[in-house]
Amino acid sequence: WFRYQKYREEFAHEDVIVALDETPVGVFVEIEGSENGIHDMASALARKPEDYVLDSYRGLFVKHCQRHGLPISDMLFEES
């Protein structure tokens, strides 16, 4: 019921995968792995738990649309 596009590049380190996601509403770093692995990687990237964004891409997109007065639809890149 919600379509979204992203460009992703992944990197692996020990038990963690770090994904760089470029979306129509910004670039995000997603860290997947064990809880300790996530915290260790976030720390290595100079991030603290209060920096974490736990929302889904749909949730982030809805907030973006509301802030900018845009209709909520699918999160797709503009065609060039």
PDB file of N, CA and C in Angstrom:
ATOM      1  N   TRP A   1       0.804  -1.195   0.000  1.00  0.00           N
ATOM      2  CA  TRP A   1       0.000   0.000   0.000  1.00  0.00           C
ATOM      3  C   TRP A   1       0.845   1.256   0.000  1.00  0.00           C
ATOM      4  N   PHE A   2       2.161   1.112   0.152  1.00  0.00           N
ATOM      5  CA  PHE A   2       3.079   2.244   0.081  1.00  0.00           C
ATOM      6  C   PHE A   2       4.303   1.803  -0.701  1.00  0.00           C
ATOM      7  N   ARG A   3       4.604   2.539  -1.763  1.00  0.00           N
ATOM      8  CA  ARG A   3       5.803   2.237  -2.551  1.00  0.00           C
ATOM      9  C   ARG A   3       6.851   3.294  -2.252  1.00  0.00           C
ATOM     10  N   TYR A   4       8.093   2.853  -2.179  1.00  0.00           N
ATOM     11  CA  TYR A   4       9.168   3.822  -2.008  1.00  0.00           C
ATOM     12  C   TYR A   4      10.393   3.347  -2.773  1.00  0.00           C
ATOM     13  N   GLN A   5      11.209   4.311  -3.147  1.00  0.00           N
ATOM     14  CA  GLN A   5      12.433   4.006  -3.862  1.00  0.00           C
ATOM     15  C   GLN A   5      13.620   4.432  -3.010  1.00  0.00           C
ATOM     16  N   LYS A   6      14.704   3.703  -3.169  1.00  0.00           N
ATOM     17  CA  LYS A   6      15.955   4.080  -2.529  1.00  0.00           C
ATOM     18  C   LYS A   6      17.093   3.464  -3.309  1.00  0.00           C
ATOM     19  N   TYR A   7      18.220   4.107  -3.220  1.00  0.00           N
ATOM     20  CA  TYR A   7      19.467   3.551  -3.731  1.00  0.00           C
ATOM     21  C   TYR A   7      20.257   3.151  -2.513  1.00  0.00           C
ATOM     22  N   ARG A   8      20.748   1.928  -2.515  1.00  0.00           N
ATOM     23  CA  ARG A   8      21.427   1.408  -1.320  1.00  0.00           C
ATOM     24  C   ARG A   8      22.812   0.902  -1.675  1.00  0.00           C
ATOM     25  N   GLU A   9      23.747   1.213  -0.771  1.00  0.00           N
ATOM     26  CA  GLU A   9      25.085   0.634  -0.838  1.00  0.00           C
ATOM     27  C   GLU A   9      25.356   0.032   0.535  1.00  0.00           C
ATOM     28  N   GLU A  10      25.835  -1.206   0.564  1.00  0.00           N
ATOM     29  CA  GLU A  10      26.044  -1.900   1.833  1.00  0.00           C
ATOM     30  C   GLU A  10      27.515  -2.194   2.079  1.00  0.00           C
ATOM     31  N   PHE A  11      27.853  -2.160   3.354  1.00  0.00           N
ATOM     32  CA  PHE A  11      29.196  -2.496   3.811  1.00  0.00           C
ATOM     33  C   PHE A  11      29.052  -3.438   5.004  1.00  0.00           C
ATOM     34  N   ALA A  12      29.943  -4.387   5.126  1.00  0.00           N
ATOM     35  CA  ALA A  12      29.900  -5.335   6.242  1.00  0.00           C
ATOM     36  C   ALA A  12      31.142  -5.177   7.097  1.00  0.00           C
ATOM     37  N   HIS A  13      30.942  -5.306   8.408  1.00  0.00           N
ATOM     38  CA  HIS A  13      32.054  -5.308   9.356  1.00  0.00           C
ATOM     39  C   HIS A  13      31.656  -6.200  10.519  1.00  0.00           C
ATOM     40  N   GLU A  14      32.407  -7.261  10.700  1.00  0.00           N
ATOM     41  CA  GLU A  14      32.115  -8.260  11.736  1.00  0.00           C
ATOM     42  C   GLU A  14      30.662  -8.707  11.602  1.00  0.00           C
ATOM     43  N   ASP A  15      29.837  -8.544  12.652  1.00  0.00           N
ATOM     44  CA  ASP A  15      28.451  -9.034  12.571  1.00  0.00           C
ATOM     45  C   ASP A  15      27.463  -7.920  12.212  1.00  0.00           C
ATOM     46  N   VAL A  16      27.963  -6.844  11.612  1.00  0.00           N
ATOM     47  CA  VAL A  16      27.123  -5.676  11.336  1.00  0.00           C
ATOM     48  C   VAL A  16      27.118  -5.366   9.838  1.00  0.00           C
ATOM     49  N   ILE A  17      25.954  -4.958   9.361  1.00  0.00           N
ATOM     50  CA  ILE A  17      25.825  -4.445   7.987  1.00  0.00           C
ATOM     51  C   ILE A  17      25.456  -2.976   8.106  1.00  0.00           C
ATOM     52  N   VAL A  18      26.209  -2.138   7.407  1.00  0.00           N
ATOM     53  CA  VAL A  18      25.918  -0.706   7.358  1.00  0.00           C
ATOM     54  C   VAL A  18      25.419  -0.413   5.950  1.00  0.00           C
ATOM     55  N   ALA A  19      24.211   0.133   5.861  1.00  0.00           N
ATOM     56  CA  ALA A  19      23.624   0.451   4.567  1.00  0.00           C
ATOM     57  C   ALA A  19      23.473   1.961   4.451  1.00  0.00           C
ATOM     58  N   LEU A  20      23.935   2.495   3.341  1.00  0.00           N
ATOM     59  CA  LEU A  20      23.720   3.907   3.027  1.00  0.00           C
ATOM     60  C   LEU A  20      22.554   3.960   2.061  1.00  0.00           C
ATOM     61  N   ASP A  21      21.463   4.584   2.487  1.00  0.00           N
ATOM     62  CA  ASP A  21      20.257   4.651   1.674  1.00  0.00           C
ATOM     63  C   ASP A  21      20.007   6.085   1.231  1.00  0.00           C
ATOM     64  N   GLU A  22      19.979   6.299  -0.076  1.00  0.00           N
ATOM     65  CA  GLU A  22      19.582   7.595  -0.624  1.00  0.00           C
ATOM     66  C   GLU A  22      18.114   7.474  -0.991  1.00  0.00           C
ATOM     67  N   THR A  23      17.278   8.329  -0.395  1.00  0.00           N
ATOM     68  CA  THR A  23      15.841   8.318  -0.646  1.00  0.00           C
ATOM     69  C   THR A  23      15.421   9.685  -1.175  1.00  0.00           C
ATOM     70  N   PRO A  24      14.196   9.807  -1.653  1.00  0.00           N
ATOM     71  CA  PRO A  24      13.727  11.115  -2.103  1.00  0.00           C
ATOM     72  C   PRO A  24      13.669  12.175  -0.991  1.00  0.00           C
ATOM     73  N   VAL A  25      13.719  11.761   0.273  1.00  0.00           N
ATOM     74  CA  VAL A  25      13.642  12.734   1.372  1.00  0.00           C
ATOM     75  C   VAL A  25      14.931  12.831   2.173  1.00  0.00           C
ATOM     76  N   GLY A  26      16.011  12.240   1.681  1.00  0.00           N
ATOM     77  CA  GLY A  26      17.282  12.364   2.372  1.00  0.00           C
ATOM     78  C   GLY A  26      18.112  11.099   2.307  1.00  0.00           C
ATOM     79  N   VAL A  27      19.293  11.202   2.867  1.00  0.00           N
ATOM     80  CA  VAL A  27      20.219  10.072   2.917  1.00  0.00           C
ATOM     81  C   VAL A  27      20.264   9.578   4.360  1.00  0.00           C
ATOM     82  N   PHE A  28      20.180   8.269   4.523  1.00  0.00           N
ATOM     83  CA  PHE A  28      20.133   7.666   5.851  1.00  0.00           C
ATOM     84  C   PHE A  28      21.165   6.558   5.948  1.00  0.00           C
ATOM     85  N   VAL A  29      21.686   6.362   7.148  1.00  0.00           N
ATOM     86  CA  VAL A  29      22.593   5.254   7.436  1.00  0.00           C
ATOM     87  C   VAL A  29      21.803   4.266   8.276  1.00  0.00           C
ATOM     88  N   GLU A  30      21.696   3.050   7.786  1.00  0.00           N
ATOM     89  CA  GLU A  30      20.982   2.009   8.508  1.00  0.00           C
ATOM     90  C   GLU A  30      22.004   0.986   8.984  1.00  0.00           C
ATOM     91  N   ILE A  31      21.960   0.684  10.268  1.00  0.00           N
ATOM     92  CA  ILE A  31      22.901  -0.276  10.849  1.00  0.00           C
ATOM     93  C   ILE A  31      22.097  -1.486  11.306  1.00  0.00           C
ATOM     94  N   GLU A  32      22.459  -2.657  10.792  1.00  0.00           N
ATOM     95  CA  GLU A  32      21.762  -3.892  11.135  1.00  0.00           C
ATOM     96  C   GLU A  32      22.753  -4.866  11.745  1.00  0.00           C
ATOM     97  N   GLY A  33      22.328  -5.532  12.799  1.00  0.00           N
ATOM     98  CA  GLY A  33      23.176  -6.517  13.446  1.00  0.00           C
ATOM     99  C   GLY A  33      22.746  -6.727  14.877  1.00  0.00           C
ATOM    100  N   SER A  34      23.639  -7.279  15.670  1.00  0.00           N
ATOM    101  CA  SER A  34      23.329  -7.487  17.087  1.00  0.00           C
ATOM    102  C   SER A  34      23.244  -6.129  17.792  1.00  0.00           C
ATOM    103  N   GLU A  35      22.598  -6.104  18.923  1.00  0.00           N
ATOM    104  CA  GLU A  35      22.463  -4.844  19.663  1.00  0.00           C
ATOM    105  C   GLU A  35      23.831  -4.243  19.977  1.00  0.00           C
ATOM    106  N   ASN A  36      24.761  -5.081  20.461  1.00  0.00           N
ATOM    107  CA  ASN A  36      26.105  -4.582  20.765  1.00  0.00           C
ATOM    108  C   ASN A  36      26.822  -4.127  19.502  1.00  0.00           C
ATOM    109  N   GLY A  37      26.668  -4.888  18.414  1.00  0.00           N
ATOM    110  CA  GLY A  37      27.296  -4.518  17.160  1.00  0.00           C
ATOM    111  C   GLY A  37      26.789  -3.184  16.632  1.00  0.00           C
ATOM    112  N   ILE A  38      25.485  -2.968  16.751  1.00  0.00           N
ATOM    113  CA  ILE A  38      24.884  -1.697  16.311  1.00  0.00           C
ATOM    114  C   ILE A  38      25.446  -0.548  17.136  1.00  0.00           C
ATOM    115  N   HIS A  39      25.458  -0.706  18.448  1.00  0.00           N
ATOM    116  CA  HIS A  39      25.969   0.371  19.306  1.00  0.00           C
ATOM    117  C   HIS A  39      27.450   0.634  19.056  1.00  0.00           C
ATOM    118  N   ASP A  40      28.238  -0.432  18.871  1.00  0.00           N
ATOM    119  CA  ASP A  40      29.671  -0.252  18.600  1.00  0.00           C
ATOM    120  C   ASP A  40      29.894   0.465  17.273  1.00  0.00           C
ATOM    121  N   MET A  41      29.142   0.087  16.241  1.00  0.00           N
ATOM    122  CA  MET A  41      29.293   0.729  14.937  1.00  0.00           C
ATOM    123  C   MET A  41      28.825   2.182  14.993  1.00  0.00           C
ATOM    124  N   ALA A  42      27.721   2.426  15.652  1.00  0.00           N
ATOM    125  CA  ALA A  42      27.236   3.799  15.783  1.00  0.00           C
ATOM    126  C   ALA A  42      28.282   4.656  16.496  1.00  0.00           C
ATOM    127  N   SER A  43      28.881   4.117  17.530  1.00  0.00           N
ATOM    128  CA  SER A  43      29.930   4.831  18.250  1.00  0.00           C
ATOM    129  C   SER A  43      31.125   5.108  17.341  1.00  0.00           C
ATOM    130  N   ALA A  44      31.506   4.126  16.525  1.00  0.00           N
ATOM    131  CA  ALA A  44      32.617   4.317  15.587  1.00  0.00           C
ATOM    132  C   ALA A  44      32.290   5.398  14.558  1.00  0.00           C
ATOM    133  N   LEU A  45      30.993   5.595  14.298  1.00  0.00           N
ATOM    134  CA  LEU A  45      30.549   6.643  13.373  1.00  0.00           C
ATOM    135  C   LEU A  45      30.221   7.948  14.095  1.00  0.00           C
ATOM    136  N   ALA A  46      30.653   8.029  15.357  1.00  0.00           N
ATOM    137  CA  ALA A  46      30.458   9.227  16.193  1.00  0.00           C
ATOM    138  C   ALA A  46      28.984   9.539  16.432  1.00  0.00           C
ATOM    139  N   ARG A  47      28.177   8.503  16.599  1.00  0.00           N
ATOM    140  CA  ARG A  47      26.756   8.668  16.886  1.00  0.00           C
ATOM    141  C   ARG A  47      26.426   8.043  18.230  1.00  0.00           C
ATOM    142  N   LYS A  48      25.426   8.634  18.884  1.00  0.00           N
ATOM    143  CA  LYS A  48      24.960   8.162  20.183  1.00  0.00           C
ATOM    144  C   LYS A  48      23.519   7.675  20.029  1.00  0.00           C
ATOM    145  N   PRO A  49      23.015   6.893  20.984  1.00  0.00           N
ATOM    146  CA  PRO A  49      21.625   6.416  20.883  1.00  0.00           C
ATOM    147  C   PRO A  49      20.599   7.539  20.678  1.00  0.00           C
ATOM    148  N   GLU A  50      20.843   8.699  21.221  1.00  0.00           N
ATOM    149  CA  GLU A  50      19.877   9.801  21.020  1.00  0.00           C
ATOM    150  C   GLU A  50      19.868  10.309  19.579  1.00  0.00           C
ATOM    151  N   ASP A  51      20.855   9.914  18.782  1.00  0.00           N
ATOM    152  CA  ASP A  51      20.889  10.264  17.353  1.00  0.00           C
ATOM    153  C   ASP A  51      20.083   9.287  16.500  1.00  0.00           C
ATOM    154  N   TYR A  52      19.731   8.128  17.058  1.00  0.00           N
ATOM    155  CA  TYR A  52      19.075   7.090  16.279  1.00  0.00           C
ATOM    156  C   TYR A  52      17.692   7.561  15.820  1.00  0.00           C
ATOM    157  N   VAL A  53      17.347   7.215  14.603  1.00  0.00           N
ATOM    158  CA  VAL A  53      16.007   7.434  14.059  1.00  0.00           C
ATOM    159  C   VAL A  53      15.378   6.051  13.947  1.00  0.00           C
ATOM    160  N   LEU A  54      14.305   5.822  14.663  1.00  0.00           N
ATOM    161  CA  LEU A  54      13.709   4.492  14.708  1.00  0.00           C
ATOM    162  C   LEU A  54      12.446   4.384  13.863  1.00  0.00           C
ATOM    163  N   ASP A  55      12.100   5.436  13.153  1.00  0.00           N
ATOM    164  CA  ASP A  55      10.892   5.460  12.342  1.00  0.00           C
ATOM    165  C   ASP A  55      11.100   4.698  11.039  1.00  0.00           C
ATOM    166  N   SER A  56      10.023   4.282  10.424  1.00  0.00           N
ATOM    167  CA  SER A  56      10.078   3.629   9.108  1.00  0.00           C
ATOM    168  C   SER A  56      10.229   4.686   8.019  1.00  0.00           C
ATOM    169  N   TYR A  57      10.562   4.245   6.809  1.00  0.00           N
ATOM    170  CA  TYR A  57      10.644   5.210   5.710  1.00  0.00           C
ATOM    171  C   TYR A  57       9.279   5.842   5.447  1.00  0.00           C
ATOM    172  N   ARG A  58       8.213   5.093   5.602  1.00  0.00           N
ATOM    173  CA  ARG A  58       6.885   5.685   5.425  1.00  0.00           C
ATOM    174  C   ARG A  58       6.643   6.768   6.466  1.00  0.00           C
ATOM    175  N   GLY A  59       6.965   6.487   7.717  1.00  0.00           N
ATOM    176  CA  GLY A  59       6.794   7.479   8.774  1.00  0.00           C
ATOM    177  C   GLY A  59       7.615   8.730   8.513  1.00  0.00           C
ATOM    178  N   LEU A  60       8.855   8.555   8.081  1.00  0.00           N
ATOM    179  CA  LEU A  60       9.706   9.703   7.761  1.00  0.00           C
ATOM    180  C   LEU A  60       9.120  10.504   6.597  1.00  0.00           C
ATOM    181  N   PHE A  61       8.581   9.791   5.591  1.00  0.00           N
ATOM    182  CA  PHE A  61       8.004  10.455   4.428  1.00  0.00           C
ATOM    183  C   PHE A  61       6.747  11.232   4.801  1.00  0.00           C
ATOM    184  N   VAL A  62       5.892  10.651   5.625  1.00  0.00           N
ATOM    185  CA  VAL A  62       4.668  11.338   6.060  1.00  0.00           C
ATOM    186  C   VAL A  62       5.033  12.630   6.788  1.00  0.00           C
ATOM    187  N   LYS A  63       5.999  12.573   7.685  1.00  0.00           N
ATOM    188  CA  LYS A  63       6.424  13.774   8.407  1.00  0.00           C
ATOM    189  C   LYS A  63       6.994  14.820   7.441  1.00  0.00           C
ATOM    190  N   HIS A  64       7.782  14.370   6.458  1.00  0.00           N
ATOM    191  CA  HIS A  64       8.342  15.276   5.445  1.00  0.00           C
ATOM    192  C   HIS A  64       7.206  15.975   4.691  1.00  0.00           C
ATOM    193  N   CYS A  65       6.213  15.211   4.250  1.00  0.00           N
ATOM    194  CA  CYS A  65       5.088  15.788   3.510  1.00  0.00           C
ATOM    195  C   CYS A  65       4.318  16.789   4.369  1.00  0.00           C
ATOM    196  N   GLN A  66       4.081  16.455   5.617  1.00  0.00           N
ATOM    197  CA  GLN A  66       3.358  17.352   6.518  1.00  0.00           C
ATOM    198  C   GLN A  66       4.126  18.648   6.734  1.00  0.00           C
ATOM    199  N   ARG A  67       5.448  18.555   6.915  1.00  0.00           N
ATOM    200  CA  ARG A  67       6.270  19.758   7.114  1.00  0.00           C
ATOM    201  C   ARG A  67       6.258  20.667   5.899  1.00  0.00           C
ATOM    202  N   HIS A  68       6.178  20.065   4.708  1.00  0.00           N
ATOM    203  CA  HIS A  68       6.284  20.837   3.477  1.00  0.00           C
ATOM    204  C   HIS A  68       4.938  21.077   2.791  1.00  0.00           C
ATOM    205  N   GLY A  69       3.848  20.677   3.437  1.00  0.00           N
ATOM    206  CA  GLY A  69       2.526  20.879   2.857  1.00  0.00           C
ATOM    207  C   GLY A  69       2.302  20.099   1.574  1.00  0.00           C
ATOM    208  N   LEU A  70       2.872  18.913   1.493  1.00  0.00           N
ATOM    209  CA  LEU A  70       2.757  18.077   0.291  1.00  0.00           C
ATOM    210  C   LEU A  70       1.746  16.955   0.525  1.00  0.00           C
ATOM    211  N   PRO A  71       1.109  16.480  -0.548  1.00  0.00           N
ATOM    212  CA  PRO A  71       0.204  15.338  -0.388  1.00  0.00           C
ATOM    213  C   PRO A  71       1.001  14.077  -0.051  1.00  0.00           C
ATOM    214  N   ILE A  72       0.407  13.224   0.740  1.00  0.00           N
ATOM    215  CA  ILE A  72       1.061  11.962   1.107  1.00  0.00           C
ATOM    216  C   ILE A  72       0.721  10.939   0.039  1.00  0.00           C
ATOM    217  N   SER A  73       1.746  10.456  -0.623  1.00  0.00           N
ATOM    218  CA  SER A  73       1.570   9.471  -1.692  1.00  0.00           C
ATOM    219  C   SER A  73       2.686   8.446  -1.565  1.00  0.00           C
ATOM    220  N   ASP A  74       3.185   7.976  -2.684  1.00  0.00           N
ATOM    221  CA  ASP A  74       4.338   7.087  -2.672  1.00  0.00           C
ATOM    222  C   ASP A  74       5.619   7.927  -2.633  1.00  0.00           C
ATOM    223  N   MET A  75       6.670   7.391  -2.050  1.00  0.00           N
ATOM    224  CA  MET A  75       7.947   8.102  -1.931  1.00  0.00           C
ATOM    225  C   MET A  75       8.834   7.681  -3.098  1.00  0.00           C
ATOM    226  N   LEU A  76       8.717   8.422  -4.190  1.00  0.00           N
ATOM    227  CA  LEU A  76       9.431   8.089  -5.419  1.00  0.00           C
ATOM    228  C   LEU A  76      10.291   9.254  -5.854  1.00  0.00           C
ATOM    229  N   PHE A  77      11.410   8.943  -6.485  1.00  0.00           N
ATOM    230  CA  PHE A  77      12.256   9.988  -7.045  1.00  0.00           C
ATOM    231  C   PHE A  77      11.535  10.658  -8.213  1.00  0.00           C
ATOM    232  N   GLU A  78      11.746  11.951  -8.367  1.00  0.00           N
ATOM    233  CA  GLU A  78      11.171  12.659  -9.505  1.00  0.00           C
ATOM    234  C   GLU A  78      11.820  12.158 -10.784  1.00  0.00           C
ATOM    235  N   GLU A  79      11.024  12.007 -11.809  1.00  0.00           N
ATOM    236  CA  GLU A  79      11.572  11.578 -13.100  1.00  0.00           C
ATOM    237  C   GLU A  79      12.315  12.738 -13.734  1.00  0.00           C
ATOM    238  N   SER A  80      13.459  12.439 -14.337  1.00  0.00           N
ATOM    239  CA  SER A  80      14.232  13.511 -14.963  1.00  0.00           C
ATOM    240  C   SER A  80      14.151  13.439 -16.467  1.00  0.00           C
TER     241      SER A  80
END
